[in-house]
Amino acid sequence: MLLHRTILHLGRIKVVYGILQNWQKLLIFLSRYLQNIPNSTCTEVICLVDP
């Protein structure tokens, strides 16, 4: 029973990690997309997104 719970817990961590990785890719994509638009507000957004 404990082992089963641990497996379920690890599965959840994996799902959350996958979502976070995809979110990071989305942010990188958005920052690149915004960089193509010459706009001062967009560059401010990139500064916030890009560490």
Protein backbone atom coordinates (compact mmCIF):
# COMPACT_ATOMS: atom_id res chain seq x y z
CA MET A 1 0.00 0.00 0.00
CA LEU A 2 2.81 2.40 0.90
CA LEU A 3 4.71 1.49 -2.27
CA HIS A 4 1.61 2.14 -4.37
CA ARG A 5 1.20 5.59 -2.78
CA THR A 6 4.85 6.39 -3.45
CA ILE A 7 4.45 5.44 -7.12
CA LEU A 8 1.36 7.66 -7.39
CA HIS A 9 3.25 10.52 -5.73
CA LEU A 10 6.20 10.15 -8.12
CA GLY A 11 3.77 10.11 -11.04
CA ARG A 12 2.30 13.42 -9.90
CA ILE A 13 5.76 14.96 -9.53
CA LYS A 14 6.56 13.80 -13.08
CA VAL A 15 3.38 15.43 -14.43
CA VAL A 16 4.07 18.71 -12.63
CA TYR A 17 7.69 18.68 -13.84
CA GLY A 18 6.52 18.10 -17.43
CA ILE A 19 4.08 21.02 -17.19
CA LEU A 20 6.82 23.27 -15.80
CA GLN A 21 9.19 22.30 -18.63
CA ASN A 22 6.52 23.06 -21.24
CA TRP A 23 5.73 26.36 -19.51
CA GLN A 24 9.42 27.31 -19.72
CA LYS A 25 9.47 26.48 -23.45
CA LEU A 26 6.33 28.58 -23.92
CA LEU A 27 7.92 31.53 -22.13
CA ILE A 28 11.07 31.27 -24.28
CA PHE A 29 8.91 31.11 -27.41
CA LEU A 30 6.88 34.14 -26.28
CA SER A 31 9.99 36.17 -25.46
CA ARG A 32 11.45 35.41 -28.91
CA TYR A 33 8.14 36.30 -30.56
CA LEU A 34 7.96 39.56 -28.62
CA GLN A 35 11.57 40.41 -29.51
CA ASN A 36 10.52 40.48 -33.17
CA ILE A 37 8.01 43.24 -32.42
CA PRO A 38 9.82 46.58 -31.99
CA ASN A 39 8.04 47.86 -28.91
CA SER A 40 9.42 49.22 -25.62
CA THR A 41 6.74 47.49 -23.52
CA CYS A 42 7.59 44.14 -25.12
CA THR A 43 11.30 44.48 -24.31
CA GLU A 44 10.33 45.15 -20.68
CA VAL A 45 8.36 41.89 -20.70
CA ILE A 46 11.41 40.05 -22.09
CA CYS A 47 13.55 41.48 -19.29
CA LEU A 48 11.08 40.06 -16.76
CA VAL A 49 10.92 36.66 -18.49
CA ASP A 50 14.63 36.31 -19.25
CA PRO A 51 16.77 35.89 -16.15
